[in-house]
Amino acid sequence: SKDKHPCTWDTSCCGHVDSGETYDIAAAREFQ
């Protein structure tokens, strides 16, 4: 159901940084 590159292998965890968020906060949020 992903809009970009569905059904392909990717890094263990990945995601966007939301507006106003830091990279570090986004990493923890996406992992969870």
PDB file of all heavy atoms in Angstrom:
ATOM      1  N   SER A   1       0.805  -1.224   0.000  1.00  0.00           N
ATOM      2  CA  SER A   1       0.000   0.000   0.000  1.00  0.00           C
ATOM      3  C   SER A   1       0.839   1.276   0.000  1.00  0.00           C
ATOM      4  O   SER A   1       0.279   2.373  -0.047  1.00  0.00           O
ATOM      5  CB  SER A   1      -0.933   0.002   1.213  1.00  0.00           C
ATOM      6  OG  SER A   1      -0.174   0.050   2.409  1.00  0.00           O
ATOM      7  N   LYS A   2       2.176   1.169   0.031  1.00  0.00           N
ATOM      8  CA  LYS A   2       3.037   2.359   0.050  1.00  0.00           C
ATOM      9  C   LYS A   2       2.943   3.095  -1.288  1.00  0.00           C
ATOM     10  O   LYS A   2       2.855   2.474  -2.341  1.00  0.00           O
ATOM     11  CB  LYS A   2       4.492   1.974   0.320  1.00  0.00           C
ATOM     12  CG  LYS A   2       4.733   1.317   1.666  1.00  0.00           C
ATOM     13  CD  LYS A   2       4.477   2.225   2.821  1.00  0.00           C
ATOM     14  CE  LYS A   2       5.721   2.936   3.222  1.00  0.00           C
ATOM     15  NZ  LYS A   2       5.526   3.826   4.365  1.00  0.00           N
ATOM     16  N   ASP A   3       2.981   4.444  -1.228  1.00  0.00           N
ATOM     17  CA  ASP A   3       2.888   5.225  -2.461  1.00  0.00           C
ATOM     18  C   ASP A   3       4.207   5.269  -3.222  1.00  0.00           C
ATOM     19  O   ASP A   3       4.220   5.492  -4.425  1.00  0.00           O
ATOM     20  CB  ASP A   3       2.357   6.644  -2.184  1.00  0.00           C
ATOM     21  CG  ASP A   3       3.272   7.482  -1.316  1.00  0.00           C
ATOM     22  OD1 ASP A   3       4.048   6.919  -0.522  1.00  0.00           O
ATOM     23  OD2 ASP A   3       3.199   8.720  -1.409  1.00  0.00           O
ATOM     24  N   LYS A   4       5.317   5.064  -2.547  1.00  0.00           N
ATOM     25  CA  LYS A   4       6.636   5.041  -3.184  1.00  0.00           C
ATOM     26  C   LYS A   4       7.271   3.669  -2.979  1.00  0.00           C
ATOM     27  O   LYS A   4       7.358   3.178  -1.859  1.00  0.00           O
ATOM     28  CB  LYS A   4       7.556   6.109  -2.584  1.00  0.00           C
ATOM     29  CG  LYS A   4       7.076   7.536  -2.750  1.00  0.00           C
ATOM     30  CD  LYS A   4       7.380   8.037  -4.119  1.00  0.00           C
ATOM     31  CE  LYS A   4       7.017   9.501  -4.243  1.00  0.00           C
ATOM     32  NZ  LYS A   4       7.395  10.061  -5.491  1.00  0.00           N
ATOM     33  N   HIS A   5       7.673   3.030  -4.045  1.00  0.00           N
ATOM     34  CA  HIS A   5       8.411   1.765  -4.038  1.00  0.00           C
ATOM     35  C   HIS A   5       7.745   0.657  -3.221  1.00  0.00           C
ATOM     36  O   HIS A   5       8.383   0.037  -2.359  1.00  0.00           O
ATOM     37  CB  HIS A   5       9.846   2.001  -3.561  1.00  0.00           C
ATOM     38  CG  HIS A   5      10.487   3.168  -4.225  1.00  0.00           C
ATOM     39  ND1 HIS A   5      10.805   3.174  -5.565  1.00  0.00           N
ATOM     40  CD2 HIS A   5      10.821   4.393  -3.745  1.00  0.00           C
ATOM     41  CE1 HIS A   5      11.332   4.351  -5.883  1.00  0.00           C
ATOM     42  NE2 HIS A   5      11.337   5.103  -4.801  1.00  0.00           N
ATOM     43  N   PRO A   6       6.461   0.387  -3.481  1.00  0.00           N
ATOM     44  CA  PRO A   6       5.808  -0.708  -2.754  1.00  0.00           C
ATOM     45  C   PRO A   6       6.448  -2.050  -3.109  1.00  0.00           C
ATOM     46  O   PRO A   6       7.015  -2.214  -4.192  1.00  0.00           O
ATOM     47  CB  PRO A   6       4.357  -0.644  -3.248  1.00  0.00           C
ATOM     48  CG  PRO A   6       4.452  -0.008  -4.605  1.00  0.00           C
ATOM     49  CD  PRO A   6       5.596   0.960  -4.513  1.00  0.00           C
ATOM     50  N   CYS A   7       6.365  -2.989  -2.188  1.00  0.00           N
ATOM     51  CA  CYS A   7       6.828  -4.368  -2.397  1.00  0.00           C
ATOM     52  C   CYS A   7       8.302  -4.458  -2.789  1.00  0.00           C
ATOM     53  O   CYS A   7       8.696  -5.323  -3.579  1.00  0.00           O
ATOM     54  CB  CYS A   7       5.961  -5.080  -3.438  1.00  0.00           C
ATOM     55  SG  CYS A   7       4.221  -5.138  -3.004  1.00  0.00           S
ATOM     56  N   THR A   8       9.122  -3.554  -2.253  1.00  0.00           N
ATOM     57  CA  THR A   8      10.566  -3.632  -2.449  1.00  0.00           C
ATOM     58  C   THR A   8      11.235  -3.668  -1.088  1.00  0.00           C
ATOM     59  O   THR A   8      10.683  -3.191  -0.096  1.00  0.00           O
ATOM     60  CB  THR A   8      11.107  -2.431  -3.262  1.00  0.00           C
ATOM     61  OG1 THR A   8      10.766  -1.212  -2.598  1.00  0.00           O
ATOM     62  CG2 THR A   8      10.558  -2.423  -4.683  1.00  0.00           C
ATOM     63  N   TRP A   9      12.432  -4.238  -1.056  1.00  0.00           N
ATOM     64  CA  TRP A   9      13.205  -4.301   0.179  1.00  0.00           C
ATOM     65  C   TRP A   9      13.843  -2.961   0.444  1.00  0.00           C
ATOM     66  O   TRP A   9      14.326  -2.295  -0.469  1.00  0.00           O
ATOM     67  CB  TRP A   9      14.264  -5.407   0.096  1.00  0.00           C
ATOM     68  CG  TRP A   9      13.651  -6.766   0.067  1.00  0.00           C
ATOM     69  CD1 TRP A   9      13.491  -7.580  -1.010  1.00  0.00           C
ATOM     70  CD2 TRP A   9      13.087  -7.471   1.174  1.00  0.00           C
ATOM     71  NE1 TRP A   9      12.854  -8.734  -0.648  1.00  0.00           N
ATOM     72  CE2 TRP A   9      12.596  -8.700   0.699  1.00  0.00           C
ATOM     73  CE3 TRP A   9      12.944  -7.174   2.534  1.00  0.00           C
ATOM     74  CZ2 TRP A   9      11.986  -9.640   1.524  1.00  0.00           C
ATOM     75  CZ3 TRP A   9      12.340  -8.108   3.355  1.00  0.00           C
ATOM     76  CH2 TRP A   9      11.864  -9.330   2.847  1.00  0.00           C
ATOM     77  N   ASP A  10      13.861  -2.566   1.706  1.00  0.00           N
ATOM     78  CA  ASP A  10      14.388  -1.260   2.091  1.00  0.00           C
ATOM     79  C   ASP A  10      15.161  -1.405   3.402  1.00  0.00           C
ATOM     80  O   ASP A  10      15.217  -2.483   3.980  1.00  0.00           O
ATOM     81  CB  ASP A  10      13.221  -0.266   2.249  1.00  0.00           C
ATOM     82  CG  ASP A  10      13.627   1.180   2.000  1.00  0.00           C
ATOM     83  OD1 ASP A  10      14.835   1.487   1.992  1.00  0.00           O
ATOM     84  OD2 ASP A  10      12.721   2.019   1.836  1.00  0.00           O
ATOM     85  N   THR A  11      15.720  -0.282   3.853  1.00  0.00           N
ATOM     86  CA  THR A  11      16.455  -0.295   5.110  1.00  0.00           C
ATOM     87  C   THR A  11      15.547  -0.813   6.221  1.00  0.00           C
ATOM     88  O   THR A  11      14.324  -0.853   6.085  1.00  0.00           O
ATOM     89  CB  THR A  11      16.978   1.104   5.476  1.00  0.00           C
ATOM     90  OG1 THR A  11      15.919   2.035   5.404  1.00  0.00           O
ATOM     91  CG2 THR A  11      18.101   1.540   4.569  1.00  0.00           C
ATOM     92  N   SER A  12      16.154  -1.170   7.329  1.00  0.00           N
ATOM     93  CA  SER A  12      15.425  -1.759   8.453  1.00  0.00           C
ATOM     94  C   SER A  12      14.241  -0.912   8.877  1.00  0.00           C
ATOM     95  O   SER A  12      13.167  -1.415   9.188  1.00  0.00           O
ATOM     96  CB  SER A  12      16.356  -1.903   9.659  1.00  0.00           C
ATOM     97  OG  SER A  12      17.589  -2.470   9.313  1.00  0.00           O
ATOM     98  N   CYS A  13      14.451   0.389   8.888  1.00  0.00           N
ATOM     99  CA  CYS A  13      13.428   1.338   9.299  1.00  0.00           C
ATOM    100  C   CYS A  13      13.706   2.647   8.585  1.00  0.00           C
ATOM    101  O   CYS A  13      14.860   3.070   8.495  1.00  0.00           O
ATOM    102  CB  CYS A  13      13.500   1.523  10.814  1.00  0.00           C
ATOM    103  SG  CYS A  13      12.370   2.760  11.465  1.00  0.00           S
ATOM    104  N   CYS A  14      12.676   3.266   8.066  1.00  0.00           N
ATOM    105  CA  CYS A  14      12.871   4.549   7.391  1.00  0.00           C
ATOM    106  C   CYS A  14      11.571   5.332   7.420  1.00  0.00           C
ATOM    107  O   CYS A  14      10.489   4.760   7.494  1.00  0.00           O
ATOM    108  CB  CYS A  14      13.346   4.355   5.957  1.00  0.00           C
ATOM    109  SG  CYS A  14      12.320   3.264   4.953  1.00  0.00           S
ATOM    110  N   GLY A  15      11.712   6.642   7.368  1.00  0.00           N
ATOM    111  CA  GLY A  15      10.518   7.467   7.367  1.00  0.00           C
ATOM    112  C   GLY A  15      10.857   8.936   7.292  1.00  0.00           C
ATOM    113  O   GLY A  15      12.020   9.341   7.383  1.00  0.00           O
ATOM    114  N   HIS A  16       9.839   9.716   7.113  1.00  0.00           N
ATOM    115  CA  HIS A  16       9.981  11.158   6.981  1.00  0.00           C
ATOM    116  C   HIS A  16      10.124  11.852   8.327  1.00  0.00           C
ATOM    117  O   HIS A  16       9.617  11.367   9.337  1.00  0.00           O
ATOM    118  CB  HIS A  16       8.759  11.739   6.258  1.00  0.00           C
ATOM    119  CG  HIS A  16       8.681  11.338   4.827  1.00  0.00           C
ATOM    120  ND1 HIS A  16       7.903  10.296   4.407  1.00  0.00           N
ATOM    121  CD2 HIS A  16       9.294  11.838   3.727  1.00  0.00           C
ATOM    122  CE1 HIS A  16       8.024  10.170   3.087  1.00  0.00           C
ATOM    123  NE2 HIS A  16       8.877  11.084   2.655  1.00  0.00           N
ATOM    124  N   VAL A  17      10.781  12.982   8.281  1.00  0.00           N
ATOM    125  CA  VAL A  17      10.864  13.874   9.436  1.00  0.00           C
ATOM    126  C   VAL A  17       9.673  14.817   9.314  1.00  0.00           C
ATOM    127  O   VAL A  17       9.522  15.507   8.295  1.00  0.00           O
ATOM    128  CB  VAL A  17      12.197  14.659   9.438  1.00  0.00           C
ATOM    129  CG1 VAL A  17      12.238  15.642  10.596  1.00  0.00           C
ATOM    130  CG2 VAL A  17      13.383  13.703   9.474  1.00  0.00           C
ATOM    131  N   ASP A  18       8.813  14.823  10.300  1.00  0.00           N
ATOM    132  CA  ASP A  18       7.643  15.700  10.274  1.00  0.00           C
ATOM    133  C   ASP A  18       8.053  17.155  10.481  1.00  0.00           C
ATOM    134  O   ASP A  18       9.117  17.447  11.042  1.00  0.00           O
ATOM    135  CB  ASP A  18       6.640  15.293  11.354  1.00  0.00           C
ATOM    136  CG  ASP A  18       5.940  13.983  11.038  1.00  0.00           C
ATOM    137  OD1 ASP A  18       5.889  13.575   9.865  1.00  0.00           O
ATOM    138  OD2 ASP A  18       5.432  13.354  11.994  1.00  0.00           O
ATOM    139  N   SER A  19       7.198  18.061  10.061  1.00  0.00           N
ATOM    140  CA  SER A  19       7.470  19.489  10.210  1.00  0.00           C
ATOM    141  C   SER A  19       7.754  19.839  11.664  1.00  0.00           C
ATOM    142  O   SER A  19       7.017  19.436  12.563  1.00  0.00           O
ATOM    143  CB  SER A  19       6.278  20.304   9.703  1.00  0.00           C
ATOM    144  OG  SER A  19       6.552  21.685   9.797  1.00  0.00           O
ATOM    145  N   GLY A  20       8.868  20.532  11.895  1.00  0.00           N
ATOM    146  CA  GLY A  20       9.240  20.956  13.231  1.00  0.00           C
ATOM    147  C   GLY A  20       9.962  19.904  14.051  1.00  0.00           C
ATOM    148  O   GLY A  20      10.396  20.173  15.168  1.00  0.00           O
ATOM    149  N   GLU A  21      10.116  18.718  13.522  1.00  0.00           N
ATOM    150  CA  GLU A  21      10.737  17.606  14.233  1.00  0.00           C
ATOM    151  C   GLU A  21      12.242  17.563  13.917  1.00  0.00           C
ATOM    152  O   GLU A  21      12.667  17.966  12.846  1.00  0.00           O
ATOM    153  CB  GLU A  21      10.070  16.314  13.732  1.00  0.00           C
ATOM    154  CG  GLU A  21      10.204  15.110  14.581  1.00  0.00           C
ATOM    155  CD  GLU A  21       9.352  13.952  14.066  1.00  0.00           C
ATOM    156  OE1 GLU A  21       9.255  13.741  12.834  1.00  0.00           O
ATOM    157  OE2 GLU A  21       8.789  13.235  14.902  1.00  0.00           O
ATOM    158  N   THR A  22      13.045  17.041  14.836  1.00  0.00           N
ATOM    159  CA  THR A  22      14.471  16.836  14.565  1.00  0.00           C
ATOM    160  C   THR A  22      14.668  15.455  13.949  1.00  0.00           C
ATOM    161  O   THR A  22      13.797  14.579  14.059  1.00  0.00           O
ATOM    162  CB  THR A  22      15.306  16.918  15.856  1.00  0.00           C
ATOM    163  OG1 THR A  22      14.946  15.815  16.699  1.00  0.00           O
ATOM    164  CG2 THR A  22      15.107  18.250  16.577  1.00  0.00           C
ATOM    165  N   TYR A  23      15.820  15.252  13.333  1.00  0.00           N
ATOM    166  CA  TYR A  23      16.144  13.931  12.793  1.00  0.00           C
ATOM    167  C   TYR A  23      16.146  12.882  13.897  1.00  0.00           C
ATOM    168  O   TYR A  23      15.621  11.781  13.714  1.00  0.00           O
ATOM    169  CB  TYR A  23      17.516  13.964  12.104  1.00  0.00           C
ATOM    170  CG  TYR A  23      17.526  14.652  10.750  1.00  0.00           C
ATOM    171  CD1 TYR A  23      17.971  15.962  10.624  1.00  0.00           C
ATOM    172  CD2 TYR A  23      17.126  13.980   9.596  1.00  0.00           C
ATOM    173  CE1 TYR A  23      18.006  16.590   9.379  1.00  0.00           C
ATOM    174  CE2 TYR A  23      17.158  14.596   8.350  1.00  0.00           C
ATOM    175  CZ  TYR A  23      17.593  15.901   8.250  1.00  0.00           C
ATOM    176  OH  TYR A  23      17.626  16.512   7.017  1.00  0.00           O
ATOM    177  N   ASP A  24      16.746  13.197  15.054  1.00  0.00           N
ATOM    178  CA  ASP A  24      16.829  12.223  16.150  1.00  0.00           C
ATOM    179  C   ASP A  24      15.453  11.817  16.665  1.00  0.00           C
ATOM    180  O   ASP A  24      15.197  10.630  16.911  1.00  0.00           O
ATOM    181  CB  ASP A  24      17.661  12.778  17.308  1.00  0.00           C
ATOM    182  CG  ASP A  24      19.151  12.873  16.991  1.00  0.00           C
ATOM    183  OD1 ASP A  24      19.599  12.333  15.951  1.00  0.00           O
ATOM    184  OD2 ASP A  24      19.865  13.500  17.792  1.00  0.00           O
ATOM    185  N   ILE A  25      14.572  12.782  16.824  1.00  0.00           N
ATOM    186  CA  ILE A  25      13.206  12.481  17.292  1.00  0.00           C
ATOM    187  C   ILE A  25      12.473  11.632  16.252  1.00  0.00           C
ATOM    188  O   ILE A  25      11.786  10.662  16.587  1.00  0.00           O
ATOM    189  CB  ILE A  25      12.419  13.779  17.595  1.00  0.00           C
ATOM    190  CG1 ILE A  25      13.068  14.557  18.733  1.00  0.00           C
ATOM    191  CG2 ILE A  25      10.952  13.488  17.869  1.00  0.00           C
ATOM    192  CD1 ILE A  25      13.028  13.865  20.082  1.00  0.00           C
ATOM    193  N   ALA A  26      12.650  11.976  14.979  1.00  0.00           N
ATOM    194  CA  ALA A  26      11.998  11.214  13.910  1.00  0.00           C
ATOM    195  C   ALA A  26      12.494   9.768  13.884  1.00  0.00           C
ATOM    196  O   ALA A  26      11.708   8.839  13.667  1.00  0.00           O
ATOM    197  CB  ALA A  26      12.231  11.879  12.559  1.00  0.00           C
ATOM    198  N   ALA A  27      13.797   9.564  14.113  1.00  0.00           N
ATOM    199  CA  ALA A  27      14.345   8.206  14.105  1.00  0.00           C
ATOM    200  C   ALA A  27      13.684   7.351  15.184  1.00  0.00           C
ATOM    201  O   ALA A  27      13.258   6.218  14.921  1.00  0.00           O
ATOM    202  CB  ALA A  27      15.857   8.245  14.290  1.00  0.00           C
ATOM    203  N   ALA A  28      13.589   7.876  16.385  1.00  0.00           N
ATOM    204  CA  ALA A  28      12.961   7.124  17.476  1.00  0.00           C
ATOM    205  C   ALA A  28      11.482   6.872  17.188  1.00  0.00           C
ATOM    206  O   ALA A  28      10.973   5.762  17.410  1.00  0.00           O
ATOM    207  CB  ALA A  28      13.134   7.878  18.793  1.00  0.00           C
ATOM    208  N   ARG A  29      10.782   7.889  16.698  1.00  0.00           N
ATOM    209  CA  ARG A  29       9.350   7.739  16.400  1.00  0.00           C
ATOM    210  C   ARG A  29       9.123   6.697  15.307  1.00  0.00           C
ATOM    211  O   ARG A  29       8.277   5.796  15.442  1.00  0.00           O
ATOM    212  CB  ARG A  29       8.756   9.090  15.974  1.00  0.00           C
ATOM    213  CG  ARG A  29       7.275   9.010  15.584  1.00  0.00           C
ATOM    214  CD  ARG A  29       6.719  10.337  15.076  1.00  0.00           C
ATOM    215  NE  ARG A  29       7.497  10.971  14.039  1.00  0.00           N
ATOM    216  CZ  ARG A  29       7.526  10.584  12.745  1.00  0.00           C
ATOM    217  NH1 ARG A  29       6.826   9.524  12.349  1.00  0.00           N
ATOM    218  NH2 ARG A  29       8.252  11.244  11.865  1.00  0.00           N
ATOM    219  N   GLU A  30       9.880   6.799  14.215  1.00  0.00           N
ATOM    220  CA  GLU A  30       9.706   5.861  13.104  1.00  0.00           C
ATOM    221  C   GLU A  30      10.038   4.425  13.525  1.00  0.00           C
ATOM    222  O   GLU A  30       9.344   3.488  13.138  1.00  0.00           O
ATOM    223  CB  GLU A  30      10.568   6.274  11.900  1.00  0.00           C
ATOM    224  CG  GLU A  30      10.052   7.488  11.161  1.00  0.00           C
ATOM    225  CD  GLU A  30       8.755   7.237  10.399  1.00  0.00           C
ATOM    226  OE1 GLU A  30       8.371   6.068  10.166  1.00  0.00           O
ATOM    227  OE2 GLU A  30       8.110   8.236  10.016  1.00  0.00           O
ATOM    228  N   PHE A  31      11.092   4.268  14.311  1.00  0.00           N
ATOM    229  CA  PHE A  31      11.459   2.933  14.781  1.00  0.00           C
ATOM    230  C   PHE A  31      10.305   2.325  15.580  1.00  0.00           C
ATOM    231  O   PHE A  31       9.931   1.166  15.377  1.00  0.00           O
ATOM    232  CB  PHE A  31      12.734   3.011  15.636  1.00  0.00           C
ATOM    233  CG  PHE A  31      13.408   1.687  15.847  1.00  0.00           C
ATOM    234  CD1 PHE A  31      14.386   1.244  14.973  1.00  0.00           C
ATOM    235  CD2 PHE A  31      13.061   0.888  16.923  1.00  0.00           C
ATOM    236  CE1 PHE A  31      15.015   0.018  15.174  1.00  0.00           C
ATOM    237  CE2 PHE A  31      13.685  -0.336  17.129  1.00  0.00           C
ATOM    238  CZ  PHE A  31      14.663  -0.774  16.252  1.00  0.00           C
ATOM    239  N   GLN A  32       9.741   3.121  16.478  1.00  0.00           N
ATOM    240  CA  GLN A  32       8.620   2.645  17.294  1.00  0.00           C
ATOM    241  C   GLN A  32       7.405   2.343  16.424  1.00  0.00           C
ATOM    242  O   GLN A  32       6.774   1.286  16.574  1.00  0.00           O
ATOM    243  CB  GLN A  32       8.264   3.685  18.363  1.00  0.00           C
ATOM    244  CG  GLN A  32       7.210   3.225  19.342  1.00  0.00           C
ATOM    245  CD  GLN A  32       7.698   2.087  20.220  1.00  0.00           C
ATOM    246  OE1 GLN A  32       8.778   2.146  20.783  1.00  0.00           O
ATOM    247  NE2 GLN A  32       6.910   1.042  20.345  1.00  0.00           N
TER     248      GLN A  32
END
